[in-house]
PDB file of N, CA and C in Angstrom:
ATOM      1  N   MET A   1       0.848  -1.371  -0.255  1.00  0.00           N
ATOM      2  CA  MET A   1      -0.113  -0.117  -0.063  1.00  0.00           C
ATOM      3  C   MET A   1       0.951   1.349  -0.017  1.00  0.00           C
ATOM      4  N   GLN A   2       2.246   1.004  -0.212  1.00  0.00           N
ATOM      5  CA  GLN A   2       3.016   2.341  -0.260  1.00  0.00           C
ATOM      6  C   GLN A   2       3.250   2.803  -1.795  1.00  0.00           C
ATOM      7  N   ARG A   3       2.475   2.402  -2.525  1.00  0.00           N
ATOM      8  CA  ARG A   3       2.391   3.011  -3.850  1.00  0.00           C
ATOM      9  C   ARG A   3       1.490   3.911  -4.087  1.00  0.00           C
ATOM     10  N   LYS A   4       0.427   4.018  -3.226  1.00  0.00           N
ATOM     11  CA  LYS A   4      -0.286   5.008  -3.154  1.00  0.00           C
ATOM     12  C   LYS A   4       0.327   6.524  -3.167  1.00  0.00           C
ATOM     13  N   PRO A   5       0.828   7.036  -2.179  1.00  0.00           N
ATOM     14  CA  PRO A   5       1.467   8.217  -1.883  1.00  0.00           C
ATOM     15  C   PRO A   5       2.368   8.384  -3.015  1.00  0.00           C
ATOM     16  N   VAL A   6       3.008   7.626  -3.498  1.00  0.00           N
ATOM     17  CA  VAL A   6       4.259   7.775  -4.477  1.00  0.00           C
ATOM     18  C   VAL A   6       3.232   8.307  -5.965  1.00  0.00           C
ATOM     19  N   ILE A   7       2.199   7.502  -6.026  1.00  0.00           N
ATOM     20  CA  ILE A   7       1.606   7.899  -7.396  1.00  0.00           C
ATOM     21  C   ILE A   7       0.742   9.086  -7.210  1.00  0.00           C
ATOM     22  N   VAL A   8       0.201   9.745  -5.849  1.00  0.00           N
ATOM     23  CA  VAL A   8      -0.520  10.857  -5.938  1.00  0.00           C
ATOM     24  C   VAL A   8       0.887  11.964  -5.855  1.00  0.00           C
ATOM     25  N   ALA A   9       1.952  11.588  -5.000  1.00  0.00           N
ATOM     26  CA  ALA A   9       2.817  12.729  -5.263  1.00  0.00           C
ATOM     27  C   ALA A   9       3.241  12.868  -6.823  1.00  0.00           C
ATOM     28  N   GLY A  10       3.510  11.663  -7.716  1.00  0.00           N
ATOM     29  CA  GLY A  10       3.785  11.942  -9.134  1.00  0.00           C
ATOM     30  C   GLY A  10       3.032  12.846  -9.746  1.00  0.00           C
ATOM     31  N   ILE A  11       1.578  12.424  -9.474  1.00  0.00           N
ATOM     32  CA  ILE A  11       0.252  13.109 -10.215  1.00  0.00           C
ATOM     33  C   ILE A  11       0.909  14.819  -9.825  1.00  0.00           C
ATOM     34  N   ALA A  12       0.930  15.034  -8.469  1.00  0.00           N
ATOM     35  CA  ALA A  12       0.837  16.650  -8.393  1.00  0.00           C
ATOM     36  C   ALA A  12       1.994  16.911  -9.061  1.00  0.00           C
ATOM     37  N   ILE A  13       3.348  16.439  -8.990  1.00  0.00           N
ATOM     38  CA  ILE A  13       4.236  16.759  -9.530  1.00  0.00           C
ATOM     39  C   ILE A  13       3.936  17.320 -11.159  1.00  0.00           C
ATOM     40  N   ALA A  14       3.405  16.337 -11.981  1.00  0.00           N
ATOM     41  CA  ALA A  14       2.901  16.457 -13.367  1.00  0.00           C
ATOM     42  C   ALA A  14       2.076  17.420 -13.546  1.00  0.00           C
ATOM     43  N   VAL A  15       1.144  17.649 -12.357  1.00  0.00           N
ATOM     44  CA  VAL A  15      -0.158  18.910 -12.640  1.00  0.00           C
ATOM     45  C   VAL A  15       0.937  20.227 -12.283  1.00  0.00           C
ATOM     46  N   VAL A  16       1.592  20.423 -11.528  1.00  0.00           N
ATOM     47  CA  VAL A  16       2.412  21.502 -11.458  1.00  0.00           C
ATOM     48  C   VAL A  16       3.543  21.880 -12.555  1.00  0.00           C
ATOM     49  N   ALA A  17       3.992  20.779 -12.986  1.00  0.00           N
ATOM     50  CA  ALA A  17       4.830  20.870 -14.257  1.00  0.00           C
ATOM     51  C   ALA A  17       3.970  21.335 -15.454  1.00  0.00           C
ATOM     52  N   LEU A  18       2.902  20.714 -15.655  1.00  0.00           N
ATOM     53  CA  LEU A  18       2.044  21.175 -16.767  1.00  0.00           C
ATOM     54  C   LEU A  18       1.684  22.654 -16.635  1.00  0.00           C
ATOM     55  N   ALA A  19       1.322  22.994 -15.462  1.00  0.00           N
ATOM     56  CA  ALA A  19       0.919  24.455 -15.419  1.00  0.00           C
ATOM     57  C   ALA A  19       1.851  25.258 -15.592  1.00  0.00           C
ATOM     58  N   ALA A  20       3.163  25.137 -14.873  1.00  0.00           N
ATOM     59  CA  ALA A  20       4.444  26.073 -15.305  1.00  0.00           C
ATOM     60  C   ALA A  20       4.815  25.839 -16.993  1.00  0.00           C
ATOM     61  N   PHE A  21       4.564  24.724 -17.886  1.00  0.00           N
ATOM     62  CA  PHE A  21       5.048  24.647 -19.102  1.00  0.00           C
ATOM     63  C   PHE A  21       3.878  25.515 -19.936  1.00  0.00           C
ATOM     64  N   SER A  22       2.742  25.375 -19.365  1.00  0.00           N
ATOM     65  CA  SER A  22       1.678  26.298 -19.832  1.00  0.00           C
ATOM     66  C   SER A  22       1.887  27.852 -19.988  1.00  0.00           C
ATOM     67  N   GLU A  23       2.377  27.974 -18.689  1.00  0.00           N
ATOM     68  CA  GLU A  23       2.622  29.617 -18.499  1.00  0.00           C
ATOM     69  C   GLU A  23       3.706  30.077 -19.225  1.00  0.00           C
ATOM     70  N   MET A  24       4.807  29.056 -19.399  1.00  0.00           N
ATOM     71  CA  MET A  24       5.969  29.664 -20.355  1.00  0.00           C
ATOM     72  C   MET A  24       5.573  29.533 -21.550  1.00  0.00           C
ATOM     73  N   THR A  25       5.208  28.719 -22.212  1.00  0.00           N
ATOM     74  CA  THR A  25       4.530  28.523 -23.414  1.00  0.00           C
ATOM     75  C   THR A  25       3.613  29.690 -23.804  1.00  0.00           C
ATOM     76  N   SER A  26       2.929  30.272 -22.960  1.00  0.00           N
ATOM     77  CA  SER A  26       1.946  31.402 -23.304  1.00  0.00           C
ATOM     78  C   SER A  26       2.881  32.794 -23.475  1.00  0.00           C
ATOM     79  N   LYS A  27       3.760  32.516 -22.567  1.00  0.00           N
ATOM     80  CA  LYS A  27       5.007  33.992 -22.439  1.00  0.00           C
ATOM     81  C   LYS A  27       5.515  33.940 -23.913  1.00  0.00           C
ATOM     82  N   VAL A  28       6.121  32.842 -24.355  1.00  0.00           N
ATOM     83  CA  VAL A  28       6.951  32.522 -25.562  1.00  0.00           C
ATOM     84  C   VAL A  28       5.985  33.107 -26.793  1.00  0.00           C
ATOM     85  N   GLU A  29       4.858  32.544 -26.798  1.00  0.00           N
ATOM     86  CA  GLU A  29       3.867  32.684 -27.754  1.00  0.00           C
ATOM     87  C   GLU A  29       3.400  34.303 -27.799  1.00  0.00           C
ATOM     88  N   ALA A  30       3.440  34.796 -26.824  1.00  0.00           N
ATOM     89  CA  ALA A  30       3.092  36.293 -26.552  1.00  0.00           C
ATOM     90  C   ALA A  30       4.158  37.116 -27.025  1.00  0.00           C
ATOM     91  N   LYS A  31       5.474  36.785 -27.020  1.00  0.00           N
ATOM     92  CA  LYS A  31       6.547  37.278 -27.213  1.00  0.00           C
ATOM     93  C   LYS A  31       6.996  37.367 -28.616  1.00  0.00           C
ATOM     94  N   SER A  32       6.774  36.050 -29.140  1.00  0.00           N
ATOM     95  CA  SER A  32       6.942  35.867 -30.488  1.00  0.00           C
ATOM     96  C   SER A  32       5.728  36.545 -31.376  1.00  0.00           C
ATOM     97  N   MET A  33       4.641  36.730 -30.991  1.00  0.00           N
ATOM     98  CA  MET A  33       3.663  37.382 -31.814  1.00  0.00           C
ATOM     99  C   MET A  33       3.589  38.531 -31.779  1.00  0.00           C
ATOM    100  N   GLN A  34       4.141  39.497 -30.885  1.00  0.00           N
ATOM    101  CA  GLN A  34       4.091  40.827 -30.583  1.00  0.00           C
ATOM    102  C   GLN A  34       5.577  41.252 -31.302  1.00  0.00           C
ATOM    103  N   SER A  35       6.165  40.597 -31.509  1.00  0.00           N
ATOM    104  CA  SER A  35       7.805  41.031 -31.949  1.00  0.00           C
ATOM    105  C   SER A  35       7.987  40.813 -33.305  1.00  0.00           C
ATOM    106  N   ASN A  36       8.596  41.799 -33.878  1.00  0.00           N
ATOM    107  CA  ASN A  36       9.324  41.701 -35.186  1.00  0.00           C
ATOM    108  C   ASN A  36      10.680  41.417 -35.266  1.00  0.00           C
ATOM    109  N   ASP A  37      11.373  40.904 -34.009  1.00  0.00           N
ATOM    110  CA  ASP A  37      12.652  40.836 -33.777  1.00  0.00           C
ATOM    111  C   ASP A  37      13.166  39.693 -34.617  1.00  0.00           C
ATOM    112  N   ILE A  38      14.499  39.602 -34.630  1.00  0.00           N
ATOM    113  CA  ILE A  38      15.212  38.398 -35.422  1.00  0.00           C
ATOM    114  C   ILE A  38      15.040  37.268 -34.704  1.00  0.00           C
ATOM    115  N   SER A  39      14.728  36.102 -35.262  1.00  0.00           N
ATOM    116  CA  SER A  39      14.411  34.856 -34.237  1.00  0.00           C
ATOM    117  C   SER A  39      15.829  33.988 -34.466  1.00  0.00           C
ATOM    118  N   GLY A  40      15.997  33.159 -33.378  1.00  0.00           N
ATOM    119  CA  GLY A  40      17.182  32.468 -33.304  1.00  0.00           C
ATOM    120  C   GLY A  40      17.766  31.828 -34.565  1.00  0.00           C
ATOM    121  N   ASN A  41      17.090  31.576 -35.666  1.00  0.00           N
ATOM    122  CA  ASN A  41      17.586  30.845 -36.723  1.00  0.00           C
ATOM    123  C   ASN A  41      17.807  31.993 -37.853  1.00  0.00           C
ATOM    124  N   ASN A  42      18.029  33.259 -37.379  1.00  0.00           N
ATOM    125  CA  ASN A  42      17.927  34.561 -38.375  1.00  0.00           C
ATOM    126  C   ASN A  42      17.065  34.503 -39.530  1.00  0.00           C
ATOM    127  N   ASP A  43      15.871  33.970 -38.990  1.00  0.00           N
ATOM    128  CA  ASP A  43      14.584  34.290 -39.766  1.00  0.00           C
ATOM    129  C   ASP A  43      13.855  35.502 -39.401  1.00  0.00           C
ATOM    130  N   ARG A  44      13.482  36.322 -40.064  1.00  0.00           N
ATOM    131  CA  ARG A  44      12.533  37.305 -39.421  1.00  0.00           C
ATOM    132  C   ARG A  44      10.956  37.208 -39.469  1.00  0.00           C
ATOM    133  N   ILE A  45      10.705  37.263 -38.054  1.00  0.00           N
ATOM    134  CA  ILE A  45       9.296  37.277 -37.997  1.00  0.00           C
ATOM    135  C   ILE A  45       8.255  38.140 -38.922  1.00  0.00           C
ATOM    136  N   ALA A  46       7.372  37.251 -39.486  1.00  0.00           N
ATOM    137  CA  ALA A  46       6.542  38.309 -40.462  1.00  0.00           C
ATOM    138  C   ALA A  46       5.685  39.302 -39.535  1.00  0.00           C
ATOM    139  N   PRO A  47       5.392  40.392 -40.054  1.00  0.00           N
ATOM    140  CA  PRO A  47       4.442  41.545 -39.502  1.00  0.00           C
ATOM    141  C   PRO A  47       3.247  40.975 -39.083  1.00  0.00           C
ATOM    142  N   ILE A  48       2.807  41.660 -38.246  1.00  0.00           N
ATOM    143  CA  ILE A  48       1.407  41.477 -37.711  1.00  0.00           C
ATOM    144  C   ILE A  48       0.072  41.151 -38.686  1.00  0.00           C
ATOM    145  N   ASN A  49       0.366  42.111 -39.786  1.00  0.00           N
ATOM    146  CA  ASN A  49      -0.602  42.101 -40.977  1.00  0.00           C
ATOM    147  C   ASN A  49      -0.323  40.820 -41.937  1.00  0.00           C
ATOM    148  N   GLU A  50       0.853  39.979 -41.629  1.00  0.00           N
ATOM    149  CA  GLU A  50       1.053  38.685 -42.585  1.00  0.00           C
ATOM    150  C   GLU A  50       0.689  37.516 -41.539  1.00  0.00           C
ATOM    151  N   ARG A  51       0.774  37.789 -40.255  1.00  0.00           N
ATOM    152  CA  ARG A  51       0.478  36.537 -39.315  1.00  0.00           C
ATOM    153  C   ARG A  51      -1.341  36.369 -39.086  1.00  0.00           C
ATOM    154  N   PHE A  52      -2.036  37.418 -39.136  1.00  0.00           N
ATOM    155  CA  PHE A  52      -3.321  37.588 -38.902  1.00  0.00           C
ATOM    156  C   PHE A  52      -4.152  37.834 -40.155  1.00  0.00           C
ATOM    157  N   ASP A  53      -5.286  36.927 -40.494  1.00  0.00           N
ATOM    158  CA  ASP A  53      -5.893  37.382 -41.695  1.00  0.00           C
ATOM    159  C   ASP A  53      -6.758  38.806 -41.617  1.00  0.00           C
ATOM    160  N   SER A  54      -6.972  39.362 -40.436  1.00  0.00           N
ATOM    161  CA  SER A  54      -7.654  40.507 -40.268  1.00  0.00           C
ATOM    162  C   SER A  54      -7.503  41.447 -39.055  1.00  0.00           C
ATOM    163  N   LEU A  55      -7.495  42.638 -39.006  1.00  0.00           N
ATOM    164  CA  LEU A  55      -7.389  43.548 -38.071  1.00  0.00           C
ATOM    165  C   LEU A  55      -8.151  42.690 -36.476  1.00  0.00           C
ATOM    166  N   ARG A  56      -9.641  42.433 -36.896  1.00  0.00           N
ATOM    167  CA  ARG A  56     -10.223  41.665 -35.697  1.00  0.00           C
ATOM    168  C   ARG A  56      -9.692  40.434 -35.245  1.00  0.00           C
ATOM    169  N   ASP A  57      -9.138  39.593 -36.127  1.00  0.00           N
ATOM    170  CA  ASP A  57      -8.606  38.551 -35.829  1.00  0.00           C
ATOM    171  C   ASP A  57      -7.311  38.621 -34.587  1.00  0.00           C
ATOM    172  N   PHE A  58      -6.329  39.854 -35.099  1.00  0.00           N
ATOM    173  CA  PHE A  58      -5.248  40.266 -34.162  1.00  0.00           C
ATOM    174  C   PHE A  58      -5.797  40.821 -32.853  1.00  0.00           C
ATOM    175  N   LEU A  59      -6.705  41.373 -32.831  1.00  0.00           N
ATOM    176  CA  LEU A  59      -7.161  42.064 -31.825  1.00  0.00           C
ATOM    177  C   LEU A  59      -7.822  41.175 -30.760  1.00  0.00           C
ATOM    178  N   ASP A  60      -8.626  39.911 -31.169  1.00  0.00           N
ATOM    179  CA  ASP A  60      -9.289  38.948 -30.972  1.00  0.00           C
ATOM    180  C   ASP A  60      -8.247  37.934 -30.039  1.00  0.00           C
ATOM    181  N   TRP A  61      -7.007  37.861 -30.861  1.00  0.00           N
ATOM    182  CA  TRP A  61      -5.787  36.934 -30.147  1.00  0.00           C
ATOM    183  C   TRP A  61      -5.269  37.711 -29.252  1.00  0.00           C
ATOM    184  N   GLN A  62      -4.795  39.206 -29.382  1.00  0.00           N
ATOM    185  CA  GLN A  62      -4.426  40.088 -28.354  1.00  0.00           C
ATOM    186  C   GLN A  62      -5.292  39.802 -27.073  1.00  0.00           C
ATOM    187  N   ASN A  63      -6.402  39.949 -27.190  1.00  0.00           N
ATOM    188  CA  ASN A  63      -7.325  40.149 -26.162  1.00  0.00           C
ATOM    189  C   ASN A  63      -7.092  38.626 -25.183  1.00  0.00           C
ATOM    190  N   ASN A  64      -6.988  37.870 -25.996  1.00  0.00           N
ATOM    191  CA  ASN A  64      -7.172  36.270 -25.400  1.00  0.00           C
ATOM    192  C   ASN A  64      -5.791  36.127 -24.853  1.00  0.00           C
ATOM    193  N   MET A  65      -4.594  36.783 -25.534  1.00  0.00           N
ATOM    194  CA  MET A  65      -3.323  36.896 -24.346  1.00  0.00           C
ATOM    195  C   MET A  65      -3.202  37.446 -23.448  1.00  0.00           C
ATOM    196  N   HIS A  66      -3.670  38.779 -23.415  1.00  0.00           N
ATOM    197  CA  HIS A  66      -3.855  39.501 -22.344  1.00  0.00           C
ATOM    198  C   HIS A  66      -4.731  38.943 -21.129  1.00  0.00           C
ATOM    199  N   GLU A  67      -5.633  37.985 -21.427  1.00  0.00           N
ATOM    200  CA  GLU A  67      -6.071  37.205 -20.372  1.00  0.00           C
ATOM    201  C   GLU A  67      -5.446  35.988 -19.811  1.00  0.00           C
ATOM    202  N   ARG A  68      -4.532  35.859 -20.652  1.00  0.00           N
ATOM    203  CA  ARG A  68      -3.440  34.603 -20.166  1.00  0.00           C
ATOM    204  C   ARG A  68      -2.181  35.025 -19.710  1.00  0.00           C
ATOM    205  N   VAL A  69      -1.475  36.182 -20.140  1.00  0.00           N
ATOM    206  CA  VAL A  69      -0.521  36.701 -19.819  1.00  0.00           C
ATOM    207  C   VAL A  69      -0.500  37.925 -18.786  1.00  0.00           C
ATOM    208  N   ALA A  70       0.175  37.861 -17.804  1.00  0.00           N
ATOM    209  CA  ALA A  70       0.174  38.945 -17.057  1.00  0.00           C
ATOM    210  C   ALA A  70       0.731  40.126 -17.754  1.00  0.00           C
ATOM    211  N   ASP A  71       0.463  41.235 -17.814  1.00  0.00           N
ATOM    212  CA  ASP A  71       1.598  42.576 -18.561  1.00  0.00           C
ATOM    213  C   ASP A  71       1.533  42.473 -19.653  1.00  0.00           C
ATOM    214  N   PHE A  72       0.500  41.929 -20.563  1.00  0.00           N
ATOM    215  CA  PHE A  72       0.386  41.930 -21.868  1.00  0.00           C
ATOM    216  C   PHE A  72      -0.190  43.116 -22.555  1.00  0.00           C
ATOM    217  N   PRO A  73       0.310  43.935 -23.430  1.00  0.00           N
ATOM    218  CA  PRO A  73      -0.129  45.133 -23.913  1.00  0.00           C
ATOM    219  C   PRO A  73      -1.405  44.744 -24.880  1.00  0.00           C
ATOM    220  N   TRP A  74      -2.504  45.368 -24.790  1.00  0.00           N
ATOM    221  CA  TRP A  74      -3.871  44.934 -25.824  1.00  0.00           C
ATOM    222  C   TRP A  74      -4.480  46.251 -26.151  1.00  0.00           C
ATOM    223  N   TYR A  75      -5.269  46.050 -26.878  1.00  0.00           N
ATOM    224  CA  TYR A  75      -6.123  47.115 -27.351  1.00  0.00           C
ATOM    225  C   TYR A  75      -7.464  46.821 -27.020  1.00  0.00           C
ATOM    226  N   GLU A  76      -8.058  48.104 -25.991  1.00  0.00           N
ATOM    227  CA  GLU A  76      -9.356  47.812 -25.721  1.00  0.00           C
ATOM    228  C   GLU A  76     -10.518  48.564 -26.702  1.00  0.00           C
ATOM    229  N   GLU A  77     -11.532  48.175 -26.963  1.00  0.00           N
ATOM    230  CA  GLU A  77     -12.418  48.639 -27.678  1.00  0.00           C
ATOM    231  C   GLU A  77     -13.461  49.483 -26.781  1.00  0.00           C
ATOM    232  N   THR A  78     -13.066  50.669 -26.429  1.00  0.00           N
ATOM    233  CA  THR A  78     -13.853  51.502 -25.568  1.00  0.00           C
ATOM    234  C   THR A  78     -15.049  51.786 -26.135  1.00  0.00           C
ATOM    235  N   SER A  79     -15.589  51.930 -27.292  1.00  0.00           N
ATOM    236  CA  SER A  79     -16.590  52.290 -27.766  1.00  0.00           C
ATOM    237  C   SER A  79     -16.609  51.370 -29.346  1.00  0.00           C
ATOM    238  N   PRO A  80     -17.763  51.358 -29.891  1.00  0.00           N
ATOM    239  CA  PRO A  80     -17.797  50.786 -31.132  1.00  0.00           C
ATOM    240  C   PRO A  80     -16.602  51.259 -32.450  1.00  0.00           C
ATOM    241  N   GLY A  81     -15.848  50.693 -32.382  1.00  0.00           N
ATOM    242  CA  GLY A  81     -15.006  51.129 -33.447  1.00  0.00           C
ATOM    243  C   GLY A  81     -13.708  52.044 -33.011  1.00  0.00           C
ATOM    244  N   LEU A  82     -13.390  52.253 -31.440  1.00  0.00           N
ATOM    245  CA  LEU A  82     -12.566  53.143 -31.053  1.00  0.00           C
ATOM    246  C   LEU A  82     -11.886  52.163 -30.079  1.00  0.00           C
ATOM    247  N   PHE A  83     -10.710  52.369 -30.203  1.00  0.00           N
ATOM    248  CA  PHE A  83      -9.700  51.578 -29.238  1.00  0.00           C
ATOM    249  C   PHE A  83      -8.574  52.536 -28.526  1.00  0.00           C
ATOM    250  N   LYS A  84      -8.445  51.790 -27.228  1.00  0.00           N
ATOM    251  CA  LYS A  84      -7.384  52.491 -26.358  1.00  0.00           C
ATOM    252  C   LYS A  84      -6.151  51.337 -26.507  1.00  0.00           C
ATOM    253  N   LEU A  85      -4.984  51.506 -26.286  1.00  0.00           N
ATOM    254  CA  LEU A  85      -3.944  50.646 -25.905  1.00  0.00           C
ATOM    255  C   LEU A  85      -3.734  50.651 -24.719  1.00  0.00           C
ATOM    256  N   HIS A  86      -3.510  49.551 -24.182  1.00  0.00           N
ATOM    257  CA  HIS A  86      -3.018  49.241 -22.640  1.00  0.00           C
ATOM    258  C   HIS A  86      -1.808  48.675 -22.732  1.00  0.00           C
ATOM    259  N   GLY A  87      -0.696  49.535 -22.194  1.00  0.00           N
ATOM    260  CA  GLY A  87       0.495  48.831 -22.483  1.00  0.00           C
ATOM    261  C   GLY A  87       1.058  48.097 -21.465  1.00  0.00           C
ATOM    262  N   SER A  88       2.456  47.567 -21.684  1.00  0.00           N
ATOM    263  CA  SER A  88       2.974  46.759 -20.490  1.00  0.00           C
ATOM    264  C   SER A  88       3.899  47.628 -19.680  1.00  0.00           C
ATOM    265  N   ARG A  89       4.034  47.048 -18.549  1.00  0.00           N
ATOM    266  CA  ARG A  89       4.426  48.110 -17.391  1.00  0.00           C
ATOM    267  C   ARG A  89       5.632  48.799 -17.975  1.00  0.00           C
ATOM    268  N   GLY A  90       5.897  49.842 -17.754  1.00  0.00           N
ATOM    269  CA  GLY A  90       7.127  50.434 -18.195  1.00  0.00           C
ATOM    270  C   GLY A  90       7.332  51.111 -19.675  1.00  0.00           C
ATOM    271  N   GLN A  91       6.002  51.079 -20.267  1.00  0.00           N
ATOM    272  CA  GLN A  91       5.932  51.651 -21.237  1.00  0.00           C
ATOM    273  C   GLN A  91       5.271  53.207 -21.115  1.00  0.00           C
ATOM    274  N   LYS A  92       5.581  54.044 -21.908  1.00  0.00           N
ATOM    275  CA  LYS A  92       5.004  55.398 -21.569  1.00  0.00           C
ATOM    276  C   LYS A  92       3.400  55.193 -22.018  1.00  0.00           C
ATOM    277  N   PRO A  93       2.506  55.592 -21.178  1.00  0.00           N
ATOM    278  CA  PRO A  93       1.159  55.588 -21.487  1.00  0.00           C
ATOM    279  C   PRO A  93       0.769  56.256 -22.826  1.00  0.00           C
ATOM    280  N   ASP A  94      -0.374  55.444 -23.554  1.00  0.00           N
ATOM    281  CA  ASP A  94      -0.665  56.129 -24.623  1.00  0.00           C
ATOM    282  C   ASP A  94      -2.509  56.397 -24.403  1.00  0.00           C
ATOM    283  N   ASN A  95      -2.291  57.644 -24.442  1.00  0.00           N
ATOM    284  CA  ASN A  95      -3.883  58.104 -24.184  1.00  0.00           C
ATOM    285  C   ASN A  95      -4.644  58.200 -25.521  1.00  0.00           C
ATOM    286  N   HIS A  96      -4.133  58.067 -26.656  1.00  0.00           N
ATOM    287  CA  HIS A  96      -4.718  58.429 -27.845  1.00  0.00           C
ATOM    288  C   HIS A  96      -5.919  57.305 -27.858  1.00  0.00           C
ATOM    289  N   GLU A  97      -7.159  57.595 -28.411  1.00  0.00           N
ATOM    290  CA  GLU A  97      -7.860  56.667 -28.719  1.00  0.00           C
ATOM    291  C   GLU A  97      -8.057  56.432 -30.381  1.00  0.00           C
ATOM    292  N   TYR A  98      -7.531  55.183 -31.065  1.00  0.00           N
ATOM    293  CA  TYR A  98      -7.514  54.985 -32.122  1.00  0.00           C
ATOM    294  C   TYR A  98      -8.788  54.581 -32.961  1.00  0.00           C
ATOM    295  N   THR A  99      -9.024  55.135 -33.991  1.00  0.00           N
ATOM    296  CA  THR A  99     -10.283  54.382 -34.875  1.00  0.00           C
ATOM    297  C   THR A  99      -9.689  53.039 -35.610  1.00  0.00           C
ATOM    298  N   GLU A 100     -10.805  52.284 -35.892  1.00  0.00           N
ATOM    299  CA  GLU A 100     -10.473  50.938 -36.585  1.00  0.00           C
ATOM    300  C   GLU A 100      -9.614  51.253 -37.489  1.00  0.00           C
ATOM    301  N   SER A 101      -9.971  52.616 -38.589  1.00  0.00           N
ATOM    302  CA  SER A 101      -8.847  52.484 -39.455  1.00  0.00           C
ATOM    303  C   SER A 101      -7.648  53.293 -39.395  1.00  0.00           C
ATOM    304  N   GLU A 102      -7.356  54.062 -38.319  1.00  0.00           N
ATOM    305  CA  GLU A 102      -6.265  54.150 -37.638  1.00  0.00           C
ATOM    306  C   GLU A 102      -5.246  53.093 -37.141  1.00  0.00           C
ATOM    307  N   LEU A 103      -6.160  52.340 -36.676  1.00  0.00           N
ATOM    308  CA  LEU A 103      -5.333  50.818 -36.436  1.00  0.00           C
ATOM    309  C   LEU A 103      -5.070  50.132 -37.746  1.00  0.00           C
ATOM    310  N   ARG A 104      -5.941  49.864 -38.516  1.00  0.00           N
ATOM    311  CA  ARG A 104      -5.523  49.033 -39.767  1.00  0.00           C
ATOM    312  C   ARG A 104      -4.351  49.707 -40.486  1.00  0.00           C
ATOM    313  N   GLU A 105      -4.092  51.137 -40.585  1.00  0.00           N
ATOM    314  CA  GLU A 105      -3.257  51.986 -41.099  1.00  0.00           C
ATOM    315  C   GLU A 105      -1.853  51.415 -40.180  1.00  0.00           C
ATOM    316  N   LYS A 106      -1.896  51.807 -38.890  1.00  0.00           N
ATOM    317  CA  LYS A 106      -0.777  51.655 -38.002  1.00  0.00           C
ATOM    318  C   LYS A 106      -0.353  50.161 -37.947  1.00  0.00           C
ATOM    319  N   LEU A 107      -1.150  49.010 -38.020  1.00  0.00           N
ATOM    320  CA  LEU A 107      -0.585  47.770 -37.799  1.00  0.00           C
ATOM    321  C   LEU A 107      -0.480  47.119 -39.704  1.00  0.00           C
ATOM    322  N   GLY A 108      -0.617  47.737 -40.481  1.00  0.00           N
ATOM    323  CA  GLY A 108      -0.425  47.345 -41.623  1.00  0.00           C
ATOM    324  C   GLY A 108      -1.638  46.742 -42.372  1.00  0.00           C
ATOM    325  N   PHE A 109      -2.772  46.542 -42.040  1.00  0.00           N
ATOM    326  CA  PHE A 109      -3.616  45.818 -42.770  1.00  0.00           C
ATOM    327  C   PHE A 109      -4.528  46.155 -43.699  1.00  0.00           C
ATOM    328  N   ASP A 110      -3.962  47.577 -44.040  1.00  0.00           N
ATOM    329  CA  ASP A 110      -4.373  48.655 -45.497  1.00  0.00           C
ATOM    330  C   ASP A 110      -3.794  48.365 -46.517  1.00  0.00           C
ATOM    331  N   LYS A 111      -2.430  47.319 -46.280  1.00  0.00           N
ATOM    332  CA  LYS A 111      -1.769  47.347 -47.451  1.00  0.00           C
ATOM    333  C   LYS A 111      -1.992  46.259 -48.267  1.00  0.00           C
TER     334      LYS A 111
END
């Protein structure tokens, strides 16, 4: 009957590891999707407008990431067609409200 505590401990360790891995994956995904930096294999990460089919798809993804990763910058729709950027800690606050067309232009979805 000594196997039961070992199995329970093993399951607990697996659950903690999976939770940590999930958080790490979310942070890596967030950094990758927000960045246009050079990746480790010298390939340039495609711009946002090439990674998403539409501005709304990007905003939906960004909102989802904001819910999963603390301190993730995102655009909040303050009223229909108006958006305000909530930046990461340490970023200069952006008090400008963007129209949908301004965001399309800013993020390259009008090209």
